[in-house]
Amino acid sequence: MASIYDKAAIYDLIENEDRYLICQNHWKAVFDNRPIQTCLDVSIGTGSVTLPLSELQVKLSGSDLSESMLENCRKKAAAKNIDIELQCCDFRAVASRFSQKFDCVASTGNSLPYVTNEDVCKTLEQMDALINPGGYLYFDIRNWDKILRERNRFYLYNPFFDGDTRINLIQVWDYHEDDTMTFNLLYTFEKDNRIFQKEKFEEHYIPVKKQILLDKLAQMGYGDIEVMNFPVQQPYTDIDDVDWYCVIAKKSRRA
């Protein structure tokens, strides 16, 4: 079954100016009072989450395993006159692909759980190798603790539009005995109340619990570890109950 990341044009159909501004305001809040002028996103995809940083005077670089996604990122960056360095590589080996260090290295879009928990920890080490002393490591991720606790099967999106075409997206989650999961992404396209196209994609994940991530950051010597809702503008009463969260942590200046 095809991956949605091989069909970047379909992946980006959900994007619009409102979502762009949500991400921009998210970064304004997260980076507030943090001296971040350069940022590398090691799972940048088409740039949906981090391209808004460029309008906040942050020099952005990116990498991703999908060349299809990176090509869309290049087009979107060019349309906004954003100068960006992009590398096609696995984030488990990203430290060898960039010669400079950054004020912040990020992983966005719930990308870390595509690899084993052990490899997630290795990826955090690769990210750490590219962060300036006193800089920041950031990631956003689905709340896998909540997913495994509640074991819901359906994740619904509001319909969105491409011109006069209405697009419906639903995710159906399959839980496997080996503790991995398959997200089935089901798209339908309709005009005049008739479906004329259907697309199905499968994404395979290995859930990673929040404590594993926080323990790894502490082990690497990170401090000022802050866990927030993603995006931060969304209200919540308990971080354990949000669907997505983000983490930002500060690297020691002695590193």
Protein backbone atom coordinates (compact mmCIF):
# COMPACT_ATOMS: atom_id res chain seq x y z
CA MET A 1 0.00 0.00 0.00
CA ALA A 2 1.26 3.44 -0.93
CA SER A 3 2.43 5.98 1.62
CA ILE A 4 0.85 9.44 1.72
CA TYR A 5 4.40 10.80 1.63
CA ASP A 6 4.71 9.55 -1.93
CA LYS A 7 1.74 11.75 -2.88
CA ALA A 8 2.81 15.13 -1.59
CA ALA A 9 0.13 16.91 -3.64
CA ILE A 10 -2.63 15.02 -1.82
CA TYR A 11 -0.87 15.44 1.54
CA ASP A 12 -0.88 19.22 1.07
CA LEU A 13 -4.57 19.52 0.14
CA ILE A 14 -5.50 20.01 3.79
CA GLU A 15 -3.23 23.05 4.08
CA ASN A 16 -4.59 26.58 3.90
CA GLU A 17 -3.76 30.07 5.12
CA ASP A 18 -5.53 29.53 8.45
CA ARG A 19 -3.38 26.47 9.23
CA TYR A 20 -0.29 28.44 8.17
CA LEU A 21 -1.13 31.20 10.64
CA ILE A 22 -1.82 28.66 13.39
CA CYS A 23 1.69 27.28 12.93
CA GLN A 24 3.18 30.76 12.80
CA ASN A 25 1.49 31.75 16.07
CA HIS A 26 2.56 28.46 17.62
CA TRP A 27 6.22 29.26 16.87
CA LYS A 28 5.84 32.81 18.15
CA ALA A 29 4.76 31.41 21.50
CA VAL A 30 7.29 28.56 21.67
CA PHE A 31 10.29 30.68 20.66
CA ASP A 32 9.28 33.67 22.80
CA ASN A 33 12.21 34.75 24.99
CA ARG A 34 14.42 32.06 23.45
CA PRO A 35 17.33 33.38 21.33
CA ILE A 36 16.71 31.23 18.23
CA GLN A 37 17.87 32.61 14.89
CA THR A 38 18.57 29.35 13.02
CA CYS A 39 16.51 26.16 12.95
CA LEU A 40 16.82 22.76 11.29
CA ASP A 41 13.72 20.57 10.90
CA VAL A 42 14.90 16.96 10.39
CA SER A 43 11.43 15.85 9.23
CA ILE A 44 10.36 18.95 7.36
CA GLY A 45 8.12 17.19 4.82
CA THR A 46 6.50 19.82 2.61
CA GLY A 47 7.32 22.53 5.14
CA SER A 48 3.77 22.94 6.42
CA VAL A 49 4.80 23.26 10.06
CA THR A 50 8.12 25.07 9.91
CA LEU A 51 8.09 27.30 6.81
CA PRO A 52 6.19 29.94 8.85
CA LEU A 53 9.38 30.33 10.92
CA SER A 54 10.99 32.18 8.02
CA GLU A 55 8.55 35.06 8.51
CA LEU A 56 9.70 35.28 12.13
CA GLN A 57 13.29 36.10 11.10
CA VAL A 58 14.48 32.54 11.70
CA LYS A 59 16.83 31.06 9.08
CA LEU A 60 15.34 27.65 8.28
CA SER A 61 16.97 24.47 6.97
CA GLY A 62 15.38 21.06 6.55
CA SER A 63 15.77 17.40 5.77
CA ASP A 64 13.38 14.57 5.02
CA LEU A 65 13.48 11.00 3.75
CA SER A 66 10.93 11.73 0.99
CA GLU A 67 12.16 13.56 -2.09
CA SER A 68 8.53 14.02 -3.17
CA MET A 69 7.80 15.95 0.01
CA LEU A 70 10.99 17.99 -0.29
CA GLU A 71 10.10 18.98 -3.86
CA ASN A 72 6.82 20.43 -2.65
CA CYS A 73 8.69 22.18 0.16
CA ARG A 74 11.04 23.77 -2.39
CA LYS A 75 8.09 25.02 -4.44
CA LYS A 76 6.32 26.47 -1.41
CA ALA A 77 9.52 28.13 -0.19
CA ALA A 78 10.18 29.62 -3.63
CA ALA A 79 6.64 31.01 -3.78
CA LYS A 80 7.32 32.88 -0.53
CA ASN A 81 10.90 33.87 -1.52
CA ILE A 82 12.34 31.77 1.30
CA ASP A 83 15.97 30.73 0.89
CA ILE A 84 16.27 27.27 2.42
CA GLU A 85 18.81 24.44 2.42
CA LEU A 86 17.17 21.02 2.06
CA GLN A 87 18.76 17.58 2.29
CA CYS A 88 17.17 14.23 1.50
CA CYS A 89 18.27 11.88 4.27
CA ASP A 90 17.19 9.62 7.11
CA PHE A 91 17.01 11.54 10.38
CA ARG A 92 18.88 8.68 12.06
CA ALA A 93 21.98 9.87 10.16
CA VAL A 94 21.24 13.58 9.82
CA ALA A 95 24.35 14.74 11.71
CA SER A 96 26.54 13.71 8.76
CA ARG A 97 24.57 15.82 6.25
CA PHE A 98 24.93 19.30 7.73
CA SER A 99 28.26 20.97 8.46
CA GLN A 100 26.92 23.82 10.61
CA LYS A 101 25.17 23.84 13.96
CA PHE A 102 21.82 25.45 14.76
CA ASP A 103 20.14 27.32 17.59
CA CYS A 104 17.30 24.81 17.40
CA VAL A 105 16.95 21.37 15.82
CA ALA A 106 13.38 20.12 15.47
CA SER A 107 11.40 17.09 14.38
CA THR A 108 7.85 17.95 13.38
CA GLY A 109 4.77 16.12 12.17
CA ASN A 110 4.79 13.09 14.48
CA SER A 111 7.73 11.68 12.52
CA LEU A 112 9.75 10.10 15.32
CA PRO A 113 7.45 7.03 15.78
CA TYR A 114 8.21 5.82 12.26
CA VAL A 115 11.26 4.12 13.77
CA THR A 116 11.79 1.91 16.82
CA ASN A 117 11.98 3.46 20.28
CA GLU A 118 15.70 2.65 20.28
CA ASP A 119 16.14 4.47 16.98
CA VAL A 120 14.10 7.41 18.29
CA CYS A 121 16.70 7.80 21.04
CA LYS A 122 19.49 7.56 18.45
CA THR A 123 17.74 10.23 16.39
CA LEU A 124 17.61 12.56 19.39
CA GLU A 125 21.38 12.05 19.70
CA GLN A 126 21.81 12.92 16.01
CA MET A 127 19.75 16.06 16.52
CA ASP A 128 21.76 16.95 19.62
CA ALA A 129 25.01 16.76 17.61
CA LEU A 130 23.77 19.65 15.44
CA ILE A 131 22.66 21.98 18.25
CA ASN A 132 24.78 24.89 19.45
CA PRO A 133 25.69 24.92 23.17
CA GLY A 134 22.79 26.61 24.94
CA GLY A 135 20.51 25.83 21.99
CA TYR A 136 17.24 23.93 21.88
CA LEU A 137 15.89 20.55 20.83
CA TYR A 138 12.21 20.51 19.83
CA PHE A 139 9.73 17.90 18.63
CA ASP A 140 5.98 17.60 18.24
CA ILE A 141 4.24 14.25 18.34
CA ARG A 142 0.92 12.52 18.80
CA ASN A 143 0.05 11.62 22.36
CA TRP A 144 0.80 7.91 22.11
CA ASP A 145 0.15 7.39 25.81
CA LYS A 146 -3.43 8.54 25.23
CA ILE A 147 -3.80 6.52 22.03
CA LEU A 148 -2.69 3.31 23.74
CA ARG A 149 -4.85 4.05 26.78
CA GLU A 150 -8.08 4.78 24.90
CA ARG A 151 -7.53 2.57 21.83
CA ASN A 152 -9.87 4.53 19.59
CA ARG A 153 -10.09 3.34 15.99
CA PHE A 154 -11.36 6.42 14.18
CA TYR A 155 -9.81 9.87 13.86
CA LEU A 156 -12.01 12.29 11.92
CA TYR A 157 -11.16 15.52 10.11
CA ASN A 158 -13.51 18.28 9.09
CA PRO A 159 -14.11 18.33 5.32
CA PHE A 160 -11.86 20.65 3.33
CA PHE A 161 -11.96 21.95 -0.22
CA ASP A 162 -9.84 22.21 -3.35
CA GLY A 163 -11.75 24.65 -5.49
CA ASP A 164 -15.24 23.14 -5.88
CA THR A 165 -14.06 19.67 -4.82
CA ARG A 166 -14.94 18.59 -1.30
CA ILE A 167 -12.36 16.30 0.32
CA ASN A 168 -13.19 14.00 3.23
CA LEU A 169 -10.44 12.39 5.30
CA ILE A 170 -10.76 9.74 7.96
CA GLN A 171 -8.05 7.73 9.68
CA VAL A 172 -8.78 4.18 10.81
CA TRP A 173 -6.26 2.86 13.33
CA ASP A 174 -5.33 -0.83 13.47
CA TYR A 175 -3.61 -2.07 16.65
CA HIS A 176 -1.23 -5.02 16.22
CA GLU A 177 -0.10 -7.70 18.65
CA ASP A 178 3.54 -6.54 18.38
CA ASP A 179 2.51 -3.11 19.76
CA THR A 180 2.87 -1.40 16.37
CA MET A 181 0.03 0.40 14.62
CA THR A 182 -1.22 1.00 11.10
CA PHE A 183 -2.95 4.25 10.27
CA ASN A 184 -5.27 3.76 7.28
CA LEU A 185 -5.82 7.14 5.61
CA LEU A 186 -9.02 7.16 3.58
CA TYR A 187 -9.66 10.09 1.23
CA THR A 188 -12.81 10.64 -0.80
CA PHE A 189 -13.23 13.42 -3.37
CA GLU A 190 -16.69 14.64 -4.34
CA LYS A 191 -18.51 17.14 -6.51
CA ASP A 192 -22.26 17.70 -6.73
CA ASN A 193 -22.71 15.27 -3.82
CA ARG A 194 -21.10 12.43 -5.75
CA ILE A 195 -17.79 10.76 -4.96
CA PHE A 196 -15.61 10.62 -8.06
CA GLN A 197 -12.26 9.56 -6.55
CA LYS A 198 -11.01 7.50 -3.61
CA GLU A 199 -7.47 7.20 -2.25
CA LYS A 200 -6.14 4.94 0.49
CA PHE A 201 -2.74 5.11 2.19
CA GLU A 202 -1.13 3.19 5.04
CA GLU A 203 1.35 4.55 7.57
CA HIS A 204 3.04 2.25 10.07
CA TYR A 205 4.01 3.54 13.50
CA ILE A 206 5.79 2.28 16.60
CA PRO A 207 4.24 4.12 19.56
CA VAL A 208 6.67 5.89 21.87
CA LYS A 209 5.65 6.98 25.35
CA LYS A 210 6.35 10.48 26.60
CA GLN A 211 8.47 9.33 29.54
CA ILE A 212 10.95 7.57 27.23
CA LEU A 213 11.48 10.85 25.38
CA LEU A 214 11.78 12.95 28.53
CA ASP A 215 14.19 10.46 30.12
CA LYS A 216 16.40 10.55 27.02
CA LEU A 217 16.54 14.35 27.04
CA ALA A 218 17.52 14.32 30.72
CA GLN A 219 20.15 11.65 30.05
CA MET A 220 21.67 13.87 27.34
CA GLY A 221 21.92 16.72 29.84
CA TYR A 222 19.01 18.85 28.65
CA GLY A 223 17.31 21.18 31.11
CA ASP A 224 14.34 23.56 31.13
CA ILE A 225 12.28 20.78 29.55
CA GLU A 226 8.83 22.14 28.73
CA VAL A 227 5.90 20.01 27.53
CA MET A 228 3.09 21.94 25.84
CA ASN A 229 -0.02 21.38 23.79
CA PHE A 230 0.46 21.36 20.02
CA PRO A 231 -0.35 23.87 18.79
CA VAL A 232 0.07 25.82 22.00
CA GLN A 233 -2.96 28.03 21.29
CA GLN A 234 -5.34 25.13 21.81
CA PRO A 235 -6.83 25.07 25.32
CA TYR A 236 -6.39 22.02 27.50
CA THR A 237 -6.80 21.08 31.12
CA ASP A 238 -4.28 18.24 31.37
CA ILE A 239 -1.34 17.52 29.03
CA ASP A 240 -2.12 13.80 29.34
CA ASP A 241 -5.45 14.36 27.58
CA VAL A 242 -4.33 16.34 24.53
CA ASP A 243 -4.13 14.65 21.12
CA TRP A 244 -0.73 16.14 20.26
CA TYR A 245 1.98 17.72 22.35
CA CYS A 246 5.34 19.35 21.78
CA VAL A 247 8.53 19.44 23.83
CA ILE A 248 11.30 22.01 23.85
CA ALA A 249 14.44 21.55 25.96
CA LYS A 250 17.63 23.54 26.42
CA LYS A 251 21.10 22.13 25.81
CA SER A 252 23.82 22.81 28.34
CA ARG A 253 26.21 25.62 27.41
CA ARG A 254 29.08 23.36 28.46
CA ALA A 255 28.25 20.82 25.73
